[in-house]
mmCIF file of all heavy atoms, coordinates in Angstrom:
data_MODEL
# 
_entry.id   MODEL 
# 
loop_
_atom_site.group_PDB 
_atom_site.id 
_atom_site.type_symbol 
_atom_site.label_atom_id 
_atom_site.label_alt_id 
_atom_site.label_comp_id 
_atom_site.label_asym_id 
_atom_site.label_entity_id 
_atom_site.label_seq_id 
_atom_site.pdbx_PDB_ins_code 
_atom_site.Cartn_x 
_atom_site.Cartn_y 
_atom_site.Cartn_z 
_atom_site.occupancy 
_atom_site.B_iso_or_equiv 
_atom_site.pdbx_formal_charge 
_atom_site.auth_seq_id 
_atom_site.auth_comp_id 
_atom_site.auth_asym_id 
_atom_site.auth_atom_id 
_atom_site.pdbx_PDB_model_num 
ATOM 1   N N   . GLN A 1 1  ? 29.206 234.948 17.506 1.00 0.00 ? 1  GLN A N   1 
ATOM 2   C CA  . GLN A 1 1  ? 28.558 236.231 17.507 1.00 0.00 ? 1  GLN A CA  1 
ATOM 3   C C   . GLN A 1 1  ? 27.244 236.161 16.690 1.00 0.00 ? 1  GLN A C   1 
ATOM 4   O O   . GLN A 1 1  ? 26.262 236.686 17.105 1.00 0.00 ? 1  GLN A O   1 
ATOM 5   C CB  . GLN A 1 1  ? 29.469 237.247 16.970 1.00 0.00 ? 1  GLN A CB  1 
ATOM 6   C CG  . GLN A 1 1  ? 28.796 238.661 16.845 1.00 0.00 ? 1  GLN A CG  1 
ATOM 7   C CD  . GLN A 1 1  ? 29.725 239.728 16.289 1.00 0.00 ? 1  GLN A CD  1 
ATOM 8   O OE1 . GLN A 1 1  ? 30.898 239.788 16.566 1.00 0.00 ? 1  GLN A OE1 1 
ATOM 9   N NE2 . GLN A 1 1  ? 29.108 240.589 15.451 1.00 0.00 ? 1  GLN A NE2 1 
ATOM 10  N N   . ASN A 1 2  ? 27.290 235.640 15.486 1.00 0.00 ? 2  ASN A N   1 
ATOM 11  C CA  . ASN A 1 2  ? 26.131 235.470 14.681 1.00 0.00 ? 2  ASN A CA  1 
ATOM 12  C C   . ASN A 1 2  ? 25.004 234.682 15.385 1.00 0.00 ? 2  ASN A C   1 
ATOM 13  O O   . ASN A 1 2  ? 23.800 235.063 15.293 1.00 0.00 ? 2  ASN A O   1 
ATOM 14  C CB  . ASN A 1 2  ? 26.464 234.859 13.303 1.00 0.00 ? 2  ASN A CB  1 
ATOM 15  C CG  . ASN A 1 2  ? 27.299 235.807 12.478 1.00 0.00 ? 2  ASN A CG  1 
ATOM 16  O OD1 . ASN A 1 2  ? 27.330 236.995 12.599 1.00 0.00 ? 2  ASN A OD1 1 
ATOM 17  N ND2 . ASN A 1 2  ? 28.018 235.197 11.481 1.00 0.00 ? 2  ASN A ND2 1 
ATOM 18  N N   . GLY A 1 3  ? 25.416 233.713 16.025 1.00 0.00 ? 3  GLY A N   1 
ATOM 19  C CA  . GLY A 1 3  ? 24.427 232.870 16.859 1.00 0.00 ? 3  GLY A CA  1 
ATOM 20  C C   . GLY A 1 3  ? 23.845 233.679 17.998 1.00 0.00 ? 3  GLY A C   1 
ATOM 21  O O   . GLY A 1 3  ? 22.625 233.636 18.176 1.00 0.00 ? 3  GLY A O   1 
ATOM 22  N N   . ALA A 1 4  ? 24.649 234.478 18.664 1.00 0.00 ? 4  ALA A N   1 
ATOM 23  C CA  . ALA A 1 4  ? 24.173 235.256 19.782 1.00 0.00 ? 4  ALA A CA  1 
ATOM 24  C C   . ALA A 1 4  ? 23.202 236.321 19.289 1.00 0.00 ? 4  ALA A C   1 
ATOM 25  O O   . ALA A 1 4  ? 22.151 236.544 19.826 1.00 0.00 ? 4  ALA A O   1 
ATOM 26  C CB  . ALA A 1 4  ? 25.335 235.939 20.478 1.00 0.00 ? 4  ALA A CB  1 
ATOM 27  N N   . LEU A 1 5  ? 23.554 237.013 18.167 1.00 0.00 ? 5  LEU A N   1 
ATOM 28  C CA  . LEU A 1 5  ? 22.640 238.040 17.587 1.00 0.00 ? 5  LEU A CA  1 
ATOM 29  C C   . LEU A 1 5  ? 21.356 237.379 17.202 1.00 0.00 ? 5  LEU A C   1 
ATOM 30  O O   . LEU A 1 5  ? 20.289 238.021 17.415 1.00 0.00 ? 5  LEU A O   1 
ATOM 31  C CB  . LEU A 1 5  ? 23.337 238.738 16.496 1.00 0.00 ? 5  LEU A CB  1 
ATOM 32  C CG  . LEU A 1 5  ? 24.561 239.592 16.863 1.00 0.00 ? 5  LEU A CG  1 
ATOM 33  C CD1 . LEU A 1 5  ? 25.240 240.121 15.638 1.00 0.00 ? 5  LEU A CD1 1 
ATOM 34  C CD2 . LEU A 1 5  ? 24.157 240.681 17.809 1.00 0.00 ? 5  LEU A CD2 1 
ATOM 35  N N   . ALA A 1 6  ? 21.370 236.237 16.587 1.00 0.00 ? 6  ALA A N   1 
ATOM 36  C CA  . ALA A 1 6  ? 20.155 235.576 16.145 1.00 0.00 ? 6  ALA A CA  1 
ATOM 37  C C   . ALA A 1 6  ? 19.304 235.234 17.339 1.00 0.00 ? 6  ALA A C   1 
ATOM 38  O O   . ALA A 1 6  ? 18.045 235.385 17.293 1.00 0.00 ? 6  ALA A O   1 
ATOM 39  C CB  . ALA A 1 6  ? 20.516 234.282 15.375 1.00 0.00 ? 6  ALA A CB  1 
ATOM 40  N N   . ALA A 1 7  ? 19.908 234.800 18.394 1.00 0.00 ? 7  ALA A N   1 
ATOM 41  C CA  . ALA A 1 7  ? 19.128 234.487 19.631 1.00 0.00 ? 7  ALA A CA  1 
ATOM 42  C C   . ALA A 1 7  ? 18.542 235.733 20.199 1.00 0.00 ? 7  ALA A C   1 
ATOM 43  O O   . ALA A 1 7  ? 17.282 235.731 20.589 1.00 0.00 ? 7  ALA A O   1 
ATOM 44  C CB  . ALA A 1 7  ? 20.018 233.820 20.668 1.00 0.00 ? 7  ALA A CB  1 
ATOM 45  N N   . LEU A 1 8  ? 19.259 236.787 20.327 1.00 0.00 ? 8  LEU A N   1 
ATOM 46  C CA  . LEU A 1 8  ? 18.646 238.017 20.900 1.00 0.00 ? 8  LEU A CA  1 
ATOM 47  C C   . LEU A 1 8  ? 17.489 238.526 20.098 1.00 0.00 ? 8  LEU A C   1 
ATOM 48  O O   . LEU A 1 8  ? 16.439 238.835 20.604 1.00 0.00 ? 8  LEU A O   1 
ATOM 49  C CB  . LEU A 1 8  ? 19.757 239.110 21.046 1.00 0.00 ? 8  LEU A CB  1 
ATOM 50  C CG  . LEU A 1 8  ? 20.862 238.759 22.051 1.00 0.00 ? 8  LEU A CG  1 
ATOM 51  C CD1 . LEU A 1 8  ? 21.949 239.849 21.994 1.00 0.00 ? 8  LEU A CD1 1 
ATOM 52  C CD2 . LEU A 1 8  ? 20.335 238.686 23.462 1.00 0.00 ? 8  LEU A CD2 1 
ATOM 53  N N   . ARG A 1 9  ? 17.682 238.541 18.762 1.00 0.00 ? 9  ARG A N   1 
ATOM 54  C CA  . ARG A 1 9  ? 16.609 238.979 17.871 1.00 0.00 ? 9  ARG A CA  1 
ATOM 55  C C   . ARG A 1 9  ? 15.404 238.076 18.022 1.00 0.00 ? 9  ARG A C   1 
ATOM 56  O O   . ARG A 1 9  ? 14.219 238.578 18.017 1.00 0.00 ? 9  ARG A O   1 
ATOM 57  C CB  . ARG A 1 9  ? 17.091 239.024 16.453 1.00 0.00 ? 9  ARG A CB  1 
ATOM 58  C CG  . ARG A 1 9  ? 18.106 240.141 16.184 1.00 0.00 ? 9  ARG A CG  1 
ATOM 59  C CD  . ARG A 1 9  ? 18.617 240.038 14.706 1.00 0.00 ? 9  ARG A CD  1 
ATOM 60  N NE  . ARG A 1 9  ? 19.738 240.933 14.513 1.00 0.00 ? 9  ARG A NE  1 
ATOM 61  C CZ  . ARG A 1 9  ? 20.896 240.570 14.006 1.00 0.00 ? 9  ARG A CZ  1 
ATOM 62  N NH1 . ARG A 1 9  ? 21.169 239.309 13.686 1.00 0.00 ? 9  ARG A NH1 1 
ATOM 63  N NH2 . ARG A 1 9  ? 21.877 241.432 13.876 1.00 0.00 ? 9  ARG A NH2 1 
ATOM 64  N N   . SER A 1 10 ? 15.625 236.752 18.022 1.00 0.00 ? 10 SER A N   1 
ATOM 65  C CA  . SER A 1 10 ? 14.492 235.833 18.030 1.00 0.00 ? 10 SER A CA  1 
ATOM 66  C C   . SER A 1 10 ? 13.687 235.856 19.354 1.00 0.00 ? 10 SER A C   1 
ATOM 67  O O   . SER A 1 10 ? 12.543 235.484 19.398 1.00 0.00 ? 10 SER A O   1 
ATOM 68  C CB  . SER A 1 10 ? 14.924 234.411 17.751 1.00 0.00 ? 10 SER A CB  1 
ATOM 69  O OG  . SER A 1 10 ? 15.661 233.865 18.816 1.00 0.00 ? 10 SER A OG  1 
ATOM 70  N N   . HIS A 1 11 ? 14.334 236.374 20.369 1.00 0.00 ? 11 HIS A N   1 
ATOM 71  C CA  . HIS A 1 11 ? 13.680 236.523 21.672 1.00 0.00 ? 11 HIS A CA  1 
ATOM 72  C C   . HIS A 1 11 ? 13.194 237.913 21.986 1.00 0.00 ? 11 HIS A C   1 
ATOM 73  O O   . HIS A 1 11 ? 12.862 238.292 23.128 1.00 0.00 ? 11 HIS A O   1 
ATOM 74  C CB  . HIS A 1 11 ? 14.605 236.050 22.834 1.00 0.00 ? 11 HIS A CB  1 
ATOM 75  C CG  . HIS A 1 11 ? 14.916 234.575 22.744 1.00 0.00 ? 11 HIS A CG  1 
ATOM 76  N ND1 . HIS A 1 11 ? 13.928 233.596 22.760 1.00 0.00 ? 11 HIS A ND1 1 
ATOM 77  C CD2 . HIS A 1 11 ? 16.057 233.908 22.644 1.00 0.00 ? 11 HIS A CD2 1 
ATOM 78  C CE1 . HIS A 1 11 ? 14.441 232.423 22.612 1.00 0.00 ? 11 HIS A CE1 1 
ATOM 79  N NE2 . HIS A 1 11 ? 15.739 232.581 22.550 1.00 0.00 ? 11 HIS A NE2 1 
ATOM 80  N N   . GLY A 1 12 ? 13.144 238.781 20.881 1.00 0.00 ? 12 GLY A N   1 
ATOM 81  C CA  . GLY A 1 12 ? 12.482 240.079 20.997 1.00 0.00 ? 12 GLY A CA  1 
ATOM 82  C C   . GLY A 1 12 ? 13.331 241.244 21.356 1.00 0.00 ? 12 GLY A C   1 
ATOM 83  O O   . GLY A 1 12 ? 12.792 242.373 21.593 1.00 0.00 ? 12 GLY A O   1 
ATOM 84  N N   . VAL A 1 13 ? 14.623 241.068 21.416 1.00 0.00 ? 13 VAL A N   1 
ATOM 85  C CA  . VAL A 1 13 ? 15.534 242.203 21.723 1.00 0.00 ? 13 VAL A CA  1 
ATOM 86  C C   . VAL A 1 13 ? 15.667 243.010 20.473 1.00 0.00 ? 13 VAL A C   1 
ATOM 87  O O   . VAL A 1 13 ? 15.949 242.560 19.406 1.00 0.00 ? 13 VAL A O   1 
ATOM 88  C CB  . VAL A 1 13 ? 16.894 241.766 22.234 1.00 0.00 ? 13 VAL A CB  1 
ATOM 89  C CG1 . VAL A 1 13 ? 17.781 242.986 22.536 1.00 0.00 ? 13 VAL A CG1 1 
ATOM 90  C CG2 . VAL A 1 13 ? 16.788 240.898 23.483 1.00 0.00 ? 13 VAL A CG2 1 
ATOM 91  N N   . ALA A 1 14 ? 15.328 244.366 20.604 1.00 0.00 ? 14 ALA A N   1 
ATOM 92  C CA  . ALA A 1 14 ? 15.408 245.237 19.453 1.00 0.00 ? 14 ALA A CA  1 
ATOM 93  C C   . ALA A 1 14 ? 16.852 245.402 18.984 1.00 0.00 ? 14 ALA A C   1 
ATOM 94  O O   . ALA A 1 14 ? 17.792 245.495 19.797 1.00 0.00 ? 14 ALA A O   1 
ATOM 95  C CB  . ALA A 1 14 ? 14.770 246.545 19.773 1.00 0.00 ? 14 ALA A CB  1 
ATOM 96  N N   . GLU A 1 15 ? 17.008 245.591 17.699 1.00 0.00 ? 15 GLU A N   1 
ATOM 97  C CA  . GLU A 1 15 ? 18.355 245.826 17.122 1.00 0.00 ? 15 GLU A CA  1 
ATOM 98  C C   . GLU A 1 15 ? 19.101 246.998 17.829 1.00 0.00 ? 15 GLU A C   1 
ATOM 99  O O   . GLU A 1 15 ? 20.292 246.902 18.039 1.00 0.00 ? 15 GLU A O   1 
ATOM 100 C CB  . GLU A 1 15 ? 18.220 246.107 15.611 1.00 0.00 ? 15 GLU A CB  1 
ATOM 101 C CG  . GLU A 1 15 ? 19.491 245.923 14.820 1.00 0.00 ? 15 GLU A CG  1 
ATOM 102 C CD  . GLU A 1 15 ? 19.857 244.446 14.647 1.00 0.00 ? 15 GLU A CD  1 
ATOM 103 O OE1 . GLU A 1 15 ? 19.016 243.587 14.610 1.00 0.00 ? 15 GLU A OE1 1 
ATOM 104 O OE2 . GLU A 1 15 ? 21.070 244.262 14.606 1.00 0.00 ? 15 GLU A OE2 1 
ATOM 105 N N   . ASP A 1 16 ? 18.379 248.041 18.059 1.00 0.00 ? 16 ASP A N   1 
ATOM 106 C CA  . ASP A 1 16 ? 18.961 249.225 18.685 1.00 0.00 ? 16 ASP A CA  1 
ATOM 107 C C   . ASP A 1 16 ? 19.386 249.009 20.110 1.00 0.00 ? 16 ASP A C   1 
ATOM 108 O O   . ASP A 1 16 ? 20.036 249.845 20.770 1.00 0.00 ? 16 ASP A O   1 
ATOM 109 C CB  . ASP A 1 16 ? 18.025 250.490 18.599 1.00 0.00 ? 16 ASP A CB  1 
ATOM 110 C CG  . ASP A 1 16 ? 17.945 250.947 17.174 1.00 0.00 ? 16 ASP A CG  1 
ATOM 111 O OD1 . ASP A 1 16 ? 18.795 250.623 16.327 1.00 0.00 ? 16 ASP A OD1 1 
ATOM 112 O OD2 . ASP A 1 16 ? 16.989 251.744 16.916 1.00 0.00 ? 16 ASP A OD2 1 
ATOM 113 N N   . ASP A 1 17 ? 18.864 247.933 20.732 1.00 0.00 ? 17 ASP A N   1 
ATOM 114 C CA  . ASP A 1 17 ? 19.226 247.588 22.089 1.00 0.00 ? 17 ASP A CA  1 
ATOM 115 C C   . ASP A 1 17 ? 20.309 246.580 22.264 1.00 0.00 ? 17 ASP A C   1 
ATOM 116 O O   . ASP A 1 17 ? 20.534 245.995 23.332 1.00 0.00 ? 17 ASP A O   1 
ATOM 117 C CB  . ASP A 1 17 ? 17.919 247.117 22.800 1.00 0.00 ? 17 ASP A CB  1 
ATOM 118 C CG  . ASP A 1 17 ? 16.895 248.192 23.025 1.00 0.00 ? 17 ASP A CG  1 
ATOM 119 O OD1 . ASP A 1 17 ? 17.290 249.385 23.072 1.00 0.00 ? 17 ASP A OD1 1 
ATOM 120 O OD2 . ASP A 1 17 ? 15.699 247.901 23.071 1.00 0.00 ? 17 ASP A OD2 1 
ATOM 121 N N   . ILE A 1 18 ? 21.031 246.340 21.157 1.00 0.00 ? 18 ILE A N   1 
ATOM 122 C CA  . ILE A 1 18 ? 22.166 245.375 21.173 1.00 0.00 ? 18 ILE A CA  1 
ATOM 123 C C   . ILE A 1 18 ? 23.456 246.188 20.901 1.00 0.00 ? 18 ILE A C   1 
ATOM 124 O O   . ILE A 1 18 ? 23.458 246.895 19.843 1.00 0.00 ? 18 ILE A O   1 
ATOM 125 C CB  . ILE A 1 18 ? 22.009 244.272 20.155 1.00 0.00 ? 18 ILE A CB  1 
ATOM 126 C CG1 . ILE A 1 18 ? 20.691 243.485 20.413 1.00 0.00 ? 18 ILE A CG1 1 
ATOM 127 C CG2 . ILE A 1 18 ? 23.179 243.304 20.180 1.00 0.00 ? 18 ILE A CG2 1 
ATOM 128 C CD1 . ILE A 1 18 ? 20.342 242.497 19.264 1.00 0.00 ? 18 ILE A CD1 1 
ATOM 129 N N   . THR A 1 19 ? 24.443 246.062 21.719 1.00 0.00 ? 19 THR A N   1 
ATOM 130 C CA  . THR A 1 19 ? 25.710 246.658 21.454 1.00 0.00 ? 19 THR A CA  1 
ATOM 131 C C   . THR A 1 19 ? 26.773 245.606 21.375 1.00 0.00 ? 19 THR A C   1 
ATOM 132 O O   . THR A 1 19 ? 26.890 244.705 22.251 1.00 0.00 ? 19 THR A O   1 
ATOM 133 C CB  . THR A 1 19 ? 26.055 247.664 22.622 1.00 0.00 ? 19 THR A CB  1 
ATOM 134 O OG1 . THR A 1 19 ? 25.055 248.618 22.796 1.00 0.00 ? 19 THR A OG1 1 
ATOM 135 C CG2 . THR A 1 19 ? 27.372 248.348 22.377 1.00 0.00 ? 19 THR A CG2 1 
ATOM 136 N N   . ILE A 1 20 ? 27.593 245.657 20.309 1.00 0.00 ? 20 ILE A N   1 
ATOM 137 C CA  . ILE A 1 20 ? 28.646 244.684 20.105 1.00 0.00 ? 20 ILE A CA  1 
ATOM 138 C C   . ILE A 1 20 ? 29.940 245.354 20.450 1.00 0.00 ? 20 ILE A C   1 
ATOM 139 O O   . ILE A 1 20 ? 30.213 246.465 19.937 1.00 0.00 ? 20 ILE A O   1 
ATOM 140 C CB  . ILE A 1 20 ? 28.762 244.202 18.639 1.00 0.00 ? 20 ILE A CB  1 
ATOM 141 C CG1 . ILE A 1 20 ? 27.447 243.586 18.189 1.00 0.00 ? 20 ILE A CG1 1 
ATOM 142 C CG2 . ILE A 1 20 ? 29.861 243.170 18.462 1.00 0.00 ? 20 ILE A CG2 1 
ATOM 143 C CD1 . ILE A 1 20 ? 26.999 242.334 18.900 1.00 0.00 ? 20 ILE A CD1 1 
ATOM 144 N N   . ILE A 1 21 ? 30.808 244.766 21.331 1.00 0.00 ? 21 ILE A N   1 
ATOM 145 C CA  . ILE A 1 21 ? 32.051 245.336 21.654 1.00 0.00 ? 21 ILE A CA  1 
ATOM 146 C C   . ILE A 1 21 ? 33.185 244.265 21.364 1.00 0.00 ? 21 ILE A C   1 
ATOM 147 O O   . ILE A 1 21 ? 33.286 243.294 22.038 1.00 0.00 ? 21 ILE A O   1 
ATOM 148 C CB  . ILE A 1 21 ? 32.113 245.677 23.191 1.00 0.00 ? 21 ILE A CB  1 
ATOM 149 C CG1 . ILE A 1 21 ? 31.019 246.720 23.533 1.00 0.00 ? 21 ILE A CG1 1 
ATOM 150 C CG2 . ILE A 1 21 ? 33.473 246.219 23.577 1.00 0.00 ? 21 ILE A CG2 1 
ATOM 151 C CD1 . ILE A 1 21 ? 29.748 246.016 24.092 1.00 0.00 ? 21 ILE A CD1 1 
ATOM 152 N N   . PRO A 1 22 ? 33.967 244.558 20.276 1.00 0.00 ? 22 PRO A N   1 
ATOM 153 C CA  . PRO A 1 22 ? 35.043 243.646 19.984 1.00 0.00 ? 22 PRO A CA  1 
ATOM 154 C C   . PRO A 1 22 ? 36.210 243.952 20.945 1.00 0.00 ? 22 PRO A C   1 
ATOM 155 O O   . PRO A 1 22 ? 36.483 245.109 21.300 1.00 0.00 ? 22 PRO A O   1 
ATOM 156 C CB  . PRO A 1 22 ? 35.396 243.958 18.556 1.00 0.00 ? 22 PRO A CB  1 
ATOM 157 C CG  . PRO A 1 22 ? 34.683 245.176 18.179 1.00 0.00 ? 22 PRO A CG  1 
ATOM 158 C CD  . PRO A 1 22 ? 33.702 245.520 19.263 1.00 0.00 ? 22 PRO A CD  1 
ATOM 159 N N   . VAL A 1 23 ? 36.916 242.873 21.378 1.00 0.00 ? 23 VAL A N   1 
ATOM 160 C CA  . VAL A 1 23 ? 38.111 243.062 22.235 1.00 0.00 ? 23 VAL A CA  1 
ATOM 161 C C   . VAL A 1 23 ? 39.191 242.145 21.542 1.00 0.00 ? 23 VAL A C   1 
ATOM 162 O O   . VAL A 1 23 ? 38.933 241.209 20.816 1.00 0.00 ? 23 VAL A O   1 
ATOM 163 C CB  . VAL A 1 23 ? 37.904 242.642 23.617 1.00 0.00 ? 23 VAL A CB  1 
ATOM 164 C CG1 . VAL A 1 23 ? 36.908 243.580 24.313 1.00 0.00 ? 23 VAL A CG1 1 
ATOM 165 C CG2 . VAL A 1 23 ? 37.482 241.198 23.795 1.00 0.00 ? 23 VAL A CG2 1 
ATOM 166 N N   . PRO A 1 24 ? 40.460 242.427 21.856 1.00 0.00 ? 24 PRO A N   1 
ATOM 167 C CA  . PRO A 1 24 ? 41.547 241.633 21.189 1.00 0.00 ? 24 PRO A CA  1 
ATOM 168 C C   . PRO A 1 24 ? 41.466 240.131 21.465 1.00 0.00 ? 24 PRO A C   1 
ATOM 169 O O   . PRO A 1 24 ? 41.620 239.323 20.534 1.00 0.00 ? 24 PRO A O   1 
ATOM 170 C CB  . PRO A 1 24 ? 42.878 242.220 21.740 1.00 0.00 ? 24 PRO A CB  1 
ATOM 171 C CG  . PRO A 1 24 ? 42.499 243.618 22.204 1.00 0.00 ? 24 PRO A CG  1 
ATOM 172 C CD  . PRO A 1 24 ? 41.012 243.512 22.617 1.00 0.00 ? 24 PRO A CD  1 
ATOM 173 N N   . GLY A 1 25 ? 41.321 239.719 22.662 1.00 0.00 ? 25 GLY A N   1 
ATOM 174 C CA  . GLY A 1 25 ? 41.333 238.320 23.019 1.00 0.00 ? 25 GLY A CA  1 
ATOM 175 C C   . GLY A 1 25 ? 40.445 237.978 24.207 1.00 0.00 ? 25 GLY A C   1 
ATOM 176 O O   . GLY A 1 25 ? 39.897 238.868 24.828 1.00 0.00 ? 25 GLY A O   1 
ATOM 177 N N   . ALA A 1 26 ? 40.463 236.711 24.585 1.00 0.00 ? 26 ALA A N   1 
ATOM 178 C CA  . ALA A 1 26 ? 39.629 236.296 25.708 1.00 0.00 ? 26 ALA A CA  1 
ATOM 179 C C   . ALA A 1 26 ? 40.044 236.843 26.998 1.00 0.00 ? 26 ALA A C   1 
ATOM 180 O O   . ALA A 1 26 ? 39.235 237.167 27.896 1.00 0.00 ? 26 ALA A O   1 
ATOM 181 C CB  . ALA A 1 26 ? 39.537 234.784 25.775 1.00 0.00 ? 26 ALA A CB  1 
# 
C-alpha cells in the first residue's frame, strides 16, 4: 500500500483523489 501511494503521488495524483478501501482478505 505504501508503495502504491508513493507511485500515485509521484505521478501527479492528488491526495484528495486517492481512496483507500481495506478489506478482510484477498
